[in-house]
Amino acid sequence: MKIKLLMLLFLTADILFCLLAAACGKEEDFGGKAFLAEESPAEAFSGEEDSSSEAGDSVPGIYVYVCGEVVSPGVYILPEGSRVYEALALAGGLTEEADERGLNQAEKLSDGQKLTVPAVGSAEETFFSEADDGKVNLNTADAEKLMSLPGIGEARAADIIAYREQNGPFALPEDIMKVSGIKQAAYDKIKDRITVR
């Protein structure tokens, strides 16, 4: 009888604690995602996991700023390893004025990245300036552009593209030496003709 009474007492205390926490707006933990007690679990878990919900830093993933010619520009939270096309989808897709020719929609995104979708006119200006510059962008160039570099054949171009898809964009031109088969001598031949901007 005493054990039942003690169990009832503990259960009552636990319920009172939960009610007090809800009244004070204390954060409750449901399944690893934190949200304010004023929110319903449905609101906190609405949408896909790790999407652009207002869950703050408690949500694992990467933050990407999608702007330019998209329907809903803004900062979105995506799972690590997400691709450009997934961020564009979260932003509502492209507008009619968007020029996607310069976008590599299969490229992996990184935390803090800014993804700008250009308009048709501005994209053409960008393409011309890159052509005038004469440098190949390691982060956006397709296999054909990469093969225009001395010593870079079809297989090596495929290796470069595979590397950036698996590891994200190159931060520095010399990072190309992280690609299997490209050593200092090969880098010295192309270093004046490549960029990562």
N, C-alpha and C. Protein backbone atom coordinates (compact mmCIF):
# COMPACT_ATOMS: atom_id res chain seq x y z
N MET A 1 0.83 -1.19 0.00
CA MET A 1 0.00 0.00 0.00
C MET A 1 0.87 1.26 0.00
N LYS A 2 1.95 1.26 0.80
CA LYS A 2 2.85 2.41 0.88
C LYS A 2 3.56 2.62 -0.45
N ILE A 3 3.91 1.50 -1.12
CA ILE A 3 4.61 1.60 -2.41
C ILE A 3 3.69 2.24 -3.45
N LYS A 4 2.42 1.83 -3.47
CA LYS A 4 1.47 2.42 -4.41
C LYS A 4 1.28 3.90 -4.14
N LEU A 5 1.23 4.26 -2.88
CA LEU A 5 1.05 5.66 -2.51
C LEU A 5 2.25 6.49 -2.95
N LEU A 6 3.47 5.93 -2.76
CA LEU A 6 4.69 6.63 -3.18
C LEU A 6 4.72 6.80 -4.69
N MET A 7 4.34 5.76 -5.44
CA MET A 7 4.33 5.83 -6.90
C MET A 7 3.34 6.90 -7.37
N LEU A 8 2.17 6.96 -6.72
CA LEU A 8 1.17 7.96 -7.08
C LEU A 8 1.69 9.36 -6.79
N LEU A 9 2.42 9.50 -5.71
CA LEU A 9 2.99 10.79 -5.34
C LEU A 9 4.03 11.25 -6.35
N PHE A 10 4.91 10.32 -6.76
CA PHE A 10 5.94 10.66 -7.77
C PHE A 10 5.29 11.01 -9.11
N LEU A 11 4.27 10.27 -9.50
CA LEU A 11 3.59 10.53 -10.77
C LEU A 11 2.93 11.91 -10.75
N THR A 12 2.29 12.25 -9.63
CA THR A 12 1.66 13.56 -9.50
C THR A 12 2.69 14.67 -9.56
N ALA A 13 3.85 14.48 -8.91
CA ALA A 13 4.91 15.48 -8.93
C ALA A 13 5.46 15.67 -10.34
N ASP A 14 5.59 14.57 -11.08
CA ASP A 14 6.10 14.63 -12.46
C ASP A 14 5.14 15.41 -13.36
N ILE A 15 3.84 15.17 -13.21
CA ILE A 15 2.83 15.89 -13.99
C ILE A 15 2.86 17.37 -13.66
N LEU A 16 2.96 17.70 -12.37
CA LEU A 16 3.03 19.10 -11.97
C LEU A 16 4.27 19.78 -12.53
N PHE A 17 5.40 19.08 -12.55
CA PHE A 17 6.64 19.64 -13.10
C PHE A 17 6.47 19.95 -14.59
N CYS A 18 5.85 19.04 -15.34
CA CYS A 18 5.63 19.24 -16.77
C CYS A 18 4.72 20.43 -17.02
N LEU A 19 3.67 20.55 -16.22
CA LEU A 19 2.75 21.68 -16.38
C LEU A 19 3.44 22.99 -16.06
N LEU A 20 4.29 23.00 -15.04
CA LEU A 20 5.04 24.19 -14.66
C LEU A 20 6.02 24.58 -15.75
N ALA A 21 6.70 23.59 -16.33
CA ALA A 21 7.65 23.86 -17.41
C ALA A 21 6.96 24.45 -18.62
N ALA A 22 5.77 23.93 -18.95
CA ALA A 22 5.00 24.45 -20.09
C ALA A 22 4.56 25.88 -19.82
N ALA A 23 4.17 26.17 -18.60
CA ALA A 23 3.71 27.52 -18.26
C ALA A 23 4.84 28.53 -18.32
N CYS A 24 6.06 28.11 -18.03
CA CYS A 24 7.22 29.00 -18.04
C CYS A 24 7.87 29.10 -19.41
N GLY A 25 7.39 28.36 -20.38
CA GLY A 25 7.97 28.42 -21.72
C GLY A 25 9.30 27.70 -21.81
N LYS A 26 9.54 26.77 -20.91
CA LYS A 26 10.80 26.03 -20.92
C LYS A 26 10.85 25.13 -22.14
N GLU A 27 12.07 24.95 -22.70
CA GLU A 27 12.21 24.08 -23.85
C GLU A 27 12.05 22.63 -23.44
N GLU A 28 11.24 21.91 -24.21
CA GLU A 28 11.08 20.48 -24.00
C GLU A 28 11.78 19.75 -25.12
N ASP A 29 12.20 18.54 -24.88
CA ASP A 29 12.90 17.76 -25.89
C ASP A 29 12.03 16.62 -26.36
N PHE A 30 11.72 16.60 -27.66
CA PHE A 30 10.92 15.53 -28.24
C PHE A 30 11.70 14.91 -29.38
N GLY A 31 12.23 13.71 -29.15
CA GLY A 31 12.91 12.98 -30.21
C GLY A 31 14.18 13.63 -30.70
N GLY A 32 14.89 14.41 -29.87
CA GLY A 32 16.16 14.99 -30.27
C GLY A 32 16.04 16.38 -30.87
N LYS A 33 14.83 16.87 -31.16
CA LYS A 33 14.66 18.22 -31.69
C LYS A 33 14.08 19.09 -30.58
N ALA A 34 14.71 20.21 -30.31
CA ALA A 34 14.23 21.09 -29.25
C ALA A 34 13.29 22.12 -29.83
N PHE A 35 12.22 22.42 -29.11
CA PHE A 35 11.32 23.50 -29.51
C PHE A 35 10.68 24.05 -28.26
N LEU A 36 10.19 25.28 -28.34
CA LEU A 36 9.56 25.91 -27.18
C LEU A 36 8.25 25.21 -26.84
N ALA A 37 7.94 25.19 -25.58
CA ALA A 37 6.73 24.50 -25.14
C ALA A 37 5.48 25.14 -25.71
N GLU A 38 5.55 26.47 -26.06
CA GLU A 38 4.38 27.12 -26.66
C GLU A 38 4.07 26.54 -28.03
N GLU A 39 5.11 26.01 -28.71
CA GLU A 39 4.90 25.41 -30.02
C GLU A 39 4.32 24.01 -29.85
N SER A 40 3.54 23.61 -30.79
CA SER A 40 3.08 22.23 -30.78
C SER A 40 4.13 21.38 -31.45
N PRO A 41 4.25 20.09 -31.11
CA PRO A 41 5.20 19.23 -31.79
C PRO A 41 4.98 19.22 -33.29
N ALA A 42 3.73 19.36 -33.74
CA ALA A 42 3.46 19.37 -35.19
C ALA A 42 4.12 20.58 -35.84
N GLU A 43 4.08 21.75 -35.16
CA GLU A 43 4.72 22.95 -35.72
C GLU A 43 6.22 22.77 -35.77
N ALA A 44 6.81 22.22 -34.73
CA ALA A 44 8.26 22.06 -34.68
C ALA A 44 8.76 21.05 -35.68
N PHE A 45 7.95 20.07 -36.01
CA PHE A 45 8.39 19.02 -36.92
C PHE A 45 7.77 19.17 -38.30
N SER A 46 7.13 20.33 -38.58
CA SER A 46 6.50 20.50 -39.89
C SER A 46 7.55 20.54 -40.96
N GLY A 47 7.21 20.03 -42.15
CA GLY A 47 8.15 19.99 -43.27
C GLY A 47 9.10 18.83 -43.12
N GLU A 48 10.08 18.80 -44.03
CA GLU A 48 11.06 17.72 -44.00
C GLU A 48 12.04 17.94 -42.88
N GLU A 49 12.66 16.88 -42.44
CA GLU A 49 13.67 16.97 -41.40
C GLU A 49 14.82 17.80 -41.91
N ASP A 50 15.38 18.68 -41.05
CA ASP A 50 16.50 19.55 -41.37
C ASP A 50 16.18 20.54 -42.46
N SER A 51 14.90 20.93 -42.61
CA SER A 51 14.54 21.94 -43.59
C SER A 51 14.68 23.30 -42.95
N SER A 52 14.04 24.31 -43.54
CA SER A 52 14.25 25.68 -43.07
C SER A 52 13.31 26.06 -41.94
N SER A 53 13.03 25.15 -41.03
CA SER A 53 12.20 25.45 -39.87
C SER A 53 12.96 26.34 -38.92
N GLU A 54 12.22 26.99 -38.00
CA GLU A 54 12.83 27.90 -37.06
C GLU A 54 13.32 27.15 -35.82
N ALA A 55 14.04 26.07 -36.01
CA ALA A 55 14.49 25.28 -34.87
C ALA A 55 15.82 25.75 -34.33
N GLY A 56 16.45 26.71 -35.02
CA GLY A 56 17.70 27.27 -34.52
C GLY A 56 18.87 26.32 -34.69
N ASP A 57 19.91 26.55 -33.85
CA ASP A 57 21.13 25.77 -33.98
C ASP A 57 20.99 24.34 -33.49
N SER A 58 19.84 23.99 -32.87
CA SER A 58 19.67 22.63 -32.39
C SER A 58 19.45 21.65 -33.53
N VAL A 59 19.17 22.17 -34.74
CA VAL A 59 18.92 21.31 -35.88
C VAL A 59 20.24 21.01 -36.57
N PRO A 60 20.62 19.73 -36.70
CA PRO A 60 21.86 19.42 -37.39
C PRO A 60 21.71 19.68 -38.87
N GLY A 61 22.75 20.20 -39.50
CA GLY A 61 22.69 20.47 -40.93
C GLY A 61 23.52 21.67 -41.30
N ILE A 62 23.32 22.16 -42.52
CA ILE A 62 24.07 23.30 -43.02
C ILE A 62 23.11 24.44 -43.34
N TYR A 63 23.60 25.66 -43.19
CA TYR A 63 22.82 26.85 -43.49
C TYR A 63 23.28 27.40 -44.83
N VAL A 64 22.33 27.60 -45.75
CA VAL A 64 22.65 28.09 -47.09
C VAL A 64 21.76 29.28 -47.41
N TYR A 65 22.37 30.37 -47.87
CA TYR A 65 21.62 31.55 -48.28
C TYR A 65 21.34 31.46 -49.77
N VAL A 66 20.07 31.30 -50.13
CA VAL A 66 19.66 31.19 -51.53
C VAL A 66 19.05 32.53 -51.93
N CYS A 67 19.63 33.16 -52.96
CA CYS A 67 19.14 34.48 -53.37
C CYS A 67 19.18 34.61 -54.89
N GLY A 68 18.79 35.78 -55.35
CA GLY A 68 18.74 35.99 -56.79
C GLY A 68 17.39 35.60 -57.35
N GLU A 69 17.39 34.98 -58.51
CA GLU A 69 16.16 34.66 -59.22
C GLU A 69 15.53 33.35 -58.75
N VAL A 70 15.09 33.34 -57.48
CA VAL A 70 14.32 32.22 -56.92
C VAL A 70 13.02 32.78 -56.37
N VAL A 71 12.02 31.93 -56.23
CA VAL A 71 10.70 32.38 -55.79
C VAL A 71 10.73 32.92 -54.36
N SER A 72 11.42 32.23 -53.46
CA SER A 72 11.46 32.64 -52.05
C SER A 72 12.89 32.69 -51.53
N PRO A 73 13.61 33.79 -51.79
CA PRO A 73 14.98 33.89 -51.29
C PRO A 73 15.01 33.82 -49.76
N GLY A 74 16.11 33.31 -49.22
CA GLY A 74 16.26 33.26 -47.77
C GLY A 74 17.31 32.26 -47.36
N VAL A 75 17.47 32.12 -46.04
CA VAL A 75 18.41 31.16 -45.47
C VAL A 75 17.66 29.86 -45.20
N TYR A 76 18.22 28.77 -45.68
CA TYR A 76 17.58 27.47 -45.52
C TYR A 76 18.53 26.50 -44.84
N ILE A 77 17.96 25.61 -44.03
CA ILE A 77 18.74 24.57 -43.35
C ILE A 77 18.52 23.27 -44.10
N LEU A 78 19.63 22.66 -44.54
CA LEU A 78 19.56 21.40 -45.27
C LEU A 78 20.45 20.38 -44.60
N PRO A 79 20.20 19.10 -44.83
CA PRO A 79 21.09 18.07 -44.29
C PRO A 79 22.47 18.18 -44.94
N GLU A 80 23.50 17.81 -44.21
CA GLU A 80 24.84 17.79 -44.78
C GLU A 80 24.86 16.88 -46.00
N GLY A 81 25.61 17.30 -47.02
CA GLY A 81 25.69 16.52 -48.25
C GLY A 81 24.62 16.89 -49.26
N SER A 82 23.80 17.91 -48.95
CA SER A 82 22.75 18.32 -49.88
C SER A 82 23.35 18.96 -51.12
N ARG A 83 22.57 18.95 -52.20
CA ARG A 83 23.02 19.48 -53.49
C ARG A 83 22.29 20.79 -53.81
N VAL A 84 22.80 21.49 -54.81
CA VAL A 84 22.23 22.78 -55.22
C VAL A 84 20.76 22.65 -55.57
N TYR A 85 20.39 21.60 -56.31
CA TYR A 85 18.99 21.47 -56.74
C TYR A 85 18.04 21.36 -55.55
N GLU A 86 18.51 20.81 -54.43
CA GLU A 86 17.65 20.68 -53.25
C GLU A 86 17.41 22.04 -52.60
N ALA A 87 18.45 22.88 -52.58
CA ALA A 87 18.30 24.23 -52.02
C ALA A 87 17.36 25.05 -52.90
N LEU A 88 17.48 24.90 -54.21
CA LEU A 88 16.60 25.63 -55.13
C LEU A 88 15.14 25.21 -54.93
N ALA A 89 14.92 23.93 -54.69
CA ALA A 89 13.56 23.43 -54.47
C ALA A 89 12.97 24.03 -53.19
N LEU A 90 13.79 24.11 -52.12
CA LEU A 90 13.31 24.71 -50.87
C LEU A 90 12.97 26.18 -51.05
N ALA A 91 13.69 26.85 -51.95
CA ALA A 91 13.46 28.27 -52.20
C ALA A 91 12.32 28.49 -53.19
N GLY A 92 11.57 27.45 -53.49
CA GLY A 92 10.40 27.59 -54.35
C GLY A 92 10.68 27.44 -55.83
N GLY A 93 11.93 27.14 -56.18
CA GLY A 93 12.29 26.97 -57.58
C GLY A 93 12.74 28.28 -58.21
N LEU A 94 13.05 28.22 -59.50
CA LEU A 94 13.57 29.37 -60.23
C LEU A 94 12.44 30.24 -60.76
N THR A 95 12.73 31.53 -60.89
CA THR A 95 11.76 32.44 -61.52
C THR A 95 11.90 32.34 -63.03
N GLU A 96 11.00 33.00 -63.74
CA GLU A 96 11.04 32.97 -65.21
C GLU A 96 12.27 33.71 -65.74
N GLU A 97 12.81 34.65 -64.96
CA GLU A 97 13.97 35.44 -65.40
C GLU A 97 15.29 34.74 -65.11
N ALA A 98 15.27 33.62 -64.42
CA ALA A 98 16.49 32.94 -64.00
C ALA A 98 17.24 32.35 -65.19
N ASP A 99 18.57 32.43 -65.09
CA ASP A 99 19.43 31.80 -66.09
C ASP A 99 20.24 30.73 -65.35
N GLU A 100 19.89 29.48 -65.58
CA GLU A 100 20.52 28.39 -64.84
C GLU A 100 21.73 27.79 -65.56
N ARG A 101 22.14 28.39 -66.69
CA ARG A 101 23.25 27.81 -67.45
C ARG A 101 24.54 27.72 -66.63
N GLY A 102 24.77 28.70 -65.76
CA GLY A 102 26.00 28.70 -64.98
C GLY A 102 25.91 27.91 -63.68
N LEU A 103 24.73 27.35 -63.39
CA LEU A 103 24.55 26.62 -62.13
C LEU A 103 24.85 25.13 -62.31
N ASN A 104 25.66 24.61 -61.41
CA ASN A 104 25.86 23.16 -61.37
C ASN A 104 24.91 22.62 -60.31
N GLN A 105 23.74 22.15 -60.74
CA GLN A 105 22.71 21.75 -59.78
C GLN A 105 23.07 20.47 -59.04
N ALA A 106 24.11 19.77 -59.48
CA ALA A 106 24.54 18.56 -58.78
C ALA A 106 25.63 18.84 -57.75
N GLU A 107 26.09 20.10 -57.68
CA GLU A 107 27.18 20.45 -56.76
C GLU A 107 26.74 20.33 -55.31
N LYS A 108 27.66 19.82 -54.46
CA LYS A 108 27.38 19.73 -53.02
C LYS A 108 27.47 21.11 -52.40
N LEU A 109 26.60 21.35 -51.42
CA LEU A 109 26.58 22.62 -50.71
C LEU A 109 27.42 22.52 -49.44
N SER A 110 27.88 23.68 -48.97
CA SER A 110 28.64 23.72 -47.72
C SER A 110 28.00 24.72 -46.77
N ASP A 111 28.30 24.59 -45.48
CA ASP A 111 27.70 25.44 -44.47
C ASP A 111 28.12 26.89 -44.70
N GLY A 112 27.15 27.80 -44.66
CA GLY A 112 27.44 29.22 -44.83
C GLY A 112 27.53 29.66 -46.27
N GLN A 113 27.25 28.78 -47.20
CA GLN A 113 27.39 29.10 -48.62
C GLN A 113 26.28 30.05 -49.08
N LYS A 114 26.65 30.95 -50.00
CA LYS A 114 25.68 31.84 -50.64
C LYS A 114 25.47 31.33 -52.06
N LEU A 115 24.24 31.01 -52.39
CA LEU A 115 23.90 30.48 -53.71
C LEU A 115 23.07 31.53 -54.43
N THR A 116 23.68 32.17 -55.44
CA THR A 116 23.02 33.24 -56.18
C THR A 116 22.61 32.74 -57.55
N VAL A 117 21.33 32.87 -57.87
CA VAL A 117 20.84 32.51 -59.19
C VAL A 117 20.75 33.79 -60.01
N PRO A 118 21.54 33.90 -61.09
CA PRO A 118 21.55 35.14 -61.85
C PRO A 118 20.33 35.28 -62.77
N ALA A 119 20.04 36.50 -63.16
CA ALA A 119 19.01 36.77 -64.17
C ALA A 119 19.65 36.58 -65.54
N VAL A 120 18.84 36.46 -66.55
CA VAL A 120 19.34 36.17 -67.89
C VAL A 120 20.39 37.17 -68.33
N GLY A 121 20.15 38.47 -68.22
CA GLY A 121 21.13 39.47 -68.67
C GLY A 121 22.42 39.46 -67.89
N SER A 122 22.33 39.39 -66.56
CA SER A 122 23.53 39.43 -65.73
C SER A 122 24.37 38.18 -65.88
N ALA A 123 23.73 37.04 -66.14
CA ALA A 123 24.47 35.79 -66.33
C ALA A 123 25.33 35.87 -67.57
N GLU A 124 24.83 36.49 -68.65
CA GLU A 124 25.60 36.62 -69.88
C GLU A 124 26.84 37.46 -69.65
N GLU A 125 26.68 38.54 -68.87
CA GLU A 125 27.84 39.38 -68.56
C GLU A 125 28.88 38.59 -67.79
N THR A 126 28.41 37.74 -66.85
CA THR A 126 29.34 36.92 -66.07
C THR A 126 30.09 35.96 -66.98
N PHE A 127 29.38 35.33 -67.89
CA PHE A 127 30.03 34.38 -68.79
C PHE A 127 31.10 35.07 -69.63
N PHE A 128 30.80 36.29 -70.13
CA PHE A 128 31.77 36.99 -70.95
C PHE A 128 33.00 37.38 -70.14
N SER A 129 32.78 37.83 -68.90
CA SER A 129 33.93 38.23 -68.09
C SER A 129 34.80 37.03 -67.75
N GLU A 130 34.19 35.87 -67.55
CA GLU A 130 35.00 34.68 -67.29
C GLU A 130 35.79 34.29 -68.53
N ALA A 131 35.16 34.43 -69.69
CA ALA A 131 35.85 34.07 -70.93
C ALA A 131 37.01 35.03 -71.17
N ASP A 132 36.78 36.35 -70.92
CA ASP A 132 37.83 37.34 -71.11
C ASP A 132 38.97 37.10 -70.13
N ASP A 133 38.61 36.68 -68.92
CA ASP A 133 39.61 36.41 -67.89
C ASP A 133 40.51 35.26 -68.32
N GLY A 134 39.94 34.32 -69.02
CA GLY A 134 40.71 33.19 -69.53
C GLY A 134 40.98 32.10 -68.51
N LYS A 135 40.50 32.27 -67.28
CA LYS A 135 40.76 31.27 -66.24
C LYS A 135 39.59 30.30 -66.13
N VAL A 136 39.91 29.09 -65.77
CA VAL A 136 38.90 28.04 -65.60
C VAL A 136 38.56 27.95 -64.11
N ASN A 137 37.27 28.07 -63.80
CA ASN A 137 36.82 27.98 -62.41
C ASN A 137 36.70 26.51 -62.03
N LEU A 138 37.52 26.08 -61.08
CA LEU A 138 37.53 24.67 -60.67
C LEU A 138 36.21 24.23 -60.05
N ASN A 139 35.44 25.19 -59.53
CA ASN A 139 34.21 24.84 -58.83
C ASN A 139 32.98 24.78 -59.74
N THR A 140 33.07 25.35 -60.94
CA THR A 140 31.91 25.38 -61.81
C THR A 140 32.16 24.79 -63.20
N ALA A 141 33.42 24.62 -63.56
CA ALA A 141 33.74 24.18 -64.93
C ALA A 141 33.27 22.75 -65.18
N ASP A 142 32.76 22.53 -66.38
CA ASP A 142 32.40 21.17 -66.79
C ASP A 142 33.65 20.46 -67.30
N ALA A 143 33.50 19.21 -67.68
CA ALA A 143 34.65 18.40 -68.11
C ALA A 143 35.36 19.03 -69.31
N GLU A 144 34.59 19.58 -70.23
CA GLU A 144 35.18 20.16 -71.44
C GLU A 144 36.10 21.34 -71.10
N LYS A 145 35.64 22.23 -70.19
CA LYS A 145 36.46 23.37 -69.79
C LYS A 145 37.71 22.91 -69.05
N LEU A 146 37.54 21.92 -68.18
CA LEU A 146 38.70 21.41 -67.44
C LEU A 146 39.73 20.80 -68.38
N MET A 147 39.27 20.15 -69.43
CA MET A 147 40.18 19.52 -70.39
C MET A 147 40.93 20.53 -71.25
N SER A 148 40.52 21.81 -71.18
CA SER A 148 41.25 22.84 -71.91
C SER A 148 42.55 23.21 -71.18
N LEU A 149 42.69 22.75 -69.95
CA LEU A 149 43.92 22.99 -69.18
C LEU A 149 45.02 22.03 -69.62
N PRO A 150 46.27 22.49 -69.65
CA PRO A 150 47.37 21.60 -70.05
C PRO A 150 47.53 20.42 -69.09
N GLY A 151 47.60 19.23 -69.64
CA GLY A 151 47.81 18.03 -68.84
C GLY A 151 46.55 17.45 -68.23
N ILE A 152 45.40 18.06 -68.46
CA ILE A 152 44.14 17.55 -67.92
C ILE A 152 43.36 16.88 -69.04
N GLY A 153 43.30 15.56 -68.97
CA GLY A 153 42.55 14.80 -69.96
C GLY A 153 41.16 14.46 -69.44
N GLU A 154 40.49 13.60 -70.17
CA GLU A 154 39.11 13.24 -69.82
C GLU A 154 39.02 12.58 -68.44
N ALA A 155 39.92 11.66 -68.16
CA ALA A 155 39.90 10.94 -66.88
C ALA A 155 40.20 11.88 -65.71
N ARG A 156 41.20 12.77 -65.89
CA ARG A 156 41.57 13.69 -64.81
C ARG A 156 40.45 14.71 -64.58
N ALA A 157 39.80 15.17 -65.64
CA ALA A 157 38.68 16.10 -65.50
C ALA A 157 37.55 15.44 -64.71
N ALA A 158 37.29 14.17 -65.00
CA ALA A 158 36.25 13.43 -64.26
C ALA A 158 36.63 13.31 -62.79
N ASP A 159 37.94 13.12 -62.51
CA ASP A 159 38.41 13.03 -61.12
C ASP A 159 38.19 14.35 -60.38
N ILE A 160 38.43 15.47 -61.06
CA ILE A 160 38.24 16.79 -60.43
C ILE A 160 36.77 17.01 -60.08
N ILE A 161 35.91 16.69 -61.03
CA ILE A 161 34.46 16.86 -60.79
C ILE A 161 33.99 15.94 -59.66
N ALA A 162 34.47 14.70 -59.67
CA ALA A 162 34.09 13.75 -58.61
C ALA A 162 34.58 14.24 -57.25
N TYR A 163 35.79 14.80 -57.21
CA TYR A 163 36.34 15.29 -55.94
C TYR A 163 35.48 16.41 -55.37
N ARG A 164 35.12 17.39 -56.20
CA ARG A 164 34.34 18.52 -55.67
C ARG A 164 32.92 18.11 -55.31
N GLU A 165 32.38 17.09 -55.97
CA GLU A 165 31.05 16.60 -55.60
C GLU A 165 31.08 15.87 -54.26
N GLN A 166 32.18 15.20 -53.97
CA GLN A 166 32.30 14.46 -52.71
C GLN A 166 32.75 15.33 -51.56
N ASN A 167 33.57 16.37 -51.84
CA ASN A 167 34.20 17.15 -50.78
C ASN A 167 33.77 18.61 -50.73
N GLY A 168 32.93 19.02 -51.66
CA GLY A 168 32.53 20.41 -51.71
C GLY A 168 33.47 21.22 -52.58
N PRO A 169 33.21 22.53 -52.71
CA PRO A 169 34.02 23.36 -53.60
C PRO A 169 35.46 23.51 -53.12
N PHE A 170 36.34 23.77 -54.09
CA PHE A 170 37.74 24.04 -53.77
C PHE A 170 37.83 25.41 -53.11
N ALA A 171 38.56 25.51 -52.01
CA ALA A 171 38.72 26.79 -51.32
C ALA A 171 39.85 27.60 -51.94
N LEU A 172 40.91 26.92 -52.39
CA LEU A 172 42.08 27.57 -52.98
C LEU A 172 42.46 26.84 -54.26
N PRO A 173 43.08 27.54 -55.23
CA PRO A 173 43.49 26.85 -56.46
C PRO A 173 44.41 25.66 -56.20
N GLU A 174 45.31 25.80 -55.22
CA GLU A 174 46.25 24.71 -54.95
C GLU A 174 45.59 23.47 -54.36
N ASP A 175 44.33 23.60 -53.93
CA ASP A 175 43.59 22.44 -53.43
C ASP A 175 43.39 21.38 -54.51
N ILE A 176 43.61 21.76 -55.76
CA ILE A 176 43.47 20.78 -56.84
C ILE A 176 44.48 19.65 -56.68
N MET A 177 45.55 19.91 -55.92
CA MET A 177 46.55 18.85 -55.69
C MET A 177 46.02 17.77 -54.74
N LYS A 178 44.86 18.00 -54.15
CA LYS A 178 44.23 16.97 -53.32
C LYS A 178 43.56 15.90 -54.18
N VAL A 179 43.39 16.23 -55.47
CA VAL A 179 42.81 15.26 -56.40
C VAL A 179 43.88 14.25 -56.77
N SER A 180 43.52 13.00 -56.72
CA SER A 180 44.47 11.92 -57.02
C SER A 180 45.09 12.11 -58.40
N GLY A 181 46.42 12.04 -58.45
CA GLY A 181 47.13 12.12 -59.73
C GLY A 181 47.60 13.51 -60.10
N ILE A 182 47.19 14.55 -59.34
CA ILE A 182 47.65 15.91 -59.64
C ILE A 182 48.65 16.31 -58.56
N LYS A 183 49.90 16.40 -58.98
CA LYS A 183 50.99 16.74 -58.05
C LYS A 183 51.49 18.16 -58.33
N GLN A 184 52.56 18.55 -57.67
CA GLN A 184 53.10 19.91 -57.77
C GLN A 184 53.45 20.28 -59.22
N ALA A 185 54.08 19.35 -59.94
CA ALA A 185 54.49 19.65 -61.32
C ALA A 185 53.27 19.94 -62.20
N ALA A 186 52.22 19.16 -62.04
CA ALA A 186 51.01 19.38 -62.83
C ALA A 186 50.34 20.70 -62.43
N TYR A 187 50.34 21.00 -61.14
CA TYR A 187 49.76 22.24 -60.66
C TYR A 187 50.51 23.45 -61.20
N ASP A 188 51.85 23.37 -61.24
CA ASP A 188 52.65 24.49 -61.73
C ASP A 188 52.31 24.83 -63.18
N LYS A 189 51.90 23.83 -63.96
CA LYS A 189 51.56 24.07 -65.37
C LYS A 189 50.23 24.81 -65.53
N ILE A 190 49.34 24.65 -64.56
CA ILE A 190 47.98 25.21 -64.72
C ILE A 190 47.64 26.32 -63.72
N LYS A 191 48.51 26.59 -62.75
CA LYS A 191 48.15 27.50 -61.66
C LYS A 191 47.77 28.91 -62.11
N ASP A 192 48.33 29.36 -63.23
CA ASP A 192 47.98 30.69 -63.73
C ASP A 192 46.70 30.71 -64.57
N ARG A 193 46.16 29.54 -64.80
CA ARG A 193 44.97 29.44 -65.65
C ARG A 193 43.73 28.96 -64.90
N ILE A 194 43.83 28.83 -63.58
CA ILE A 194 42.68 28.34 -62.79
C ILE A 194 42.30 29.34 -61.71
N THR A 195 41.04 29.25 -61.30
CA THR A 195 40.53 30.10 -60.23
C THR A 195 39.46 29.30 -59.47
N VAL A 196 39.10 29.78 -58.27
CA VAL A 196 38.04 29.13 -57.50
C VAL A 196 36.94 30.13 -57.14
N ARG A 197 37.04 31.36 -57.63
CA ARG A 197 36.07 32.43 -57.28
C ARG A 197 34.71 32.19 -57.90
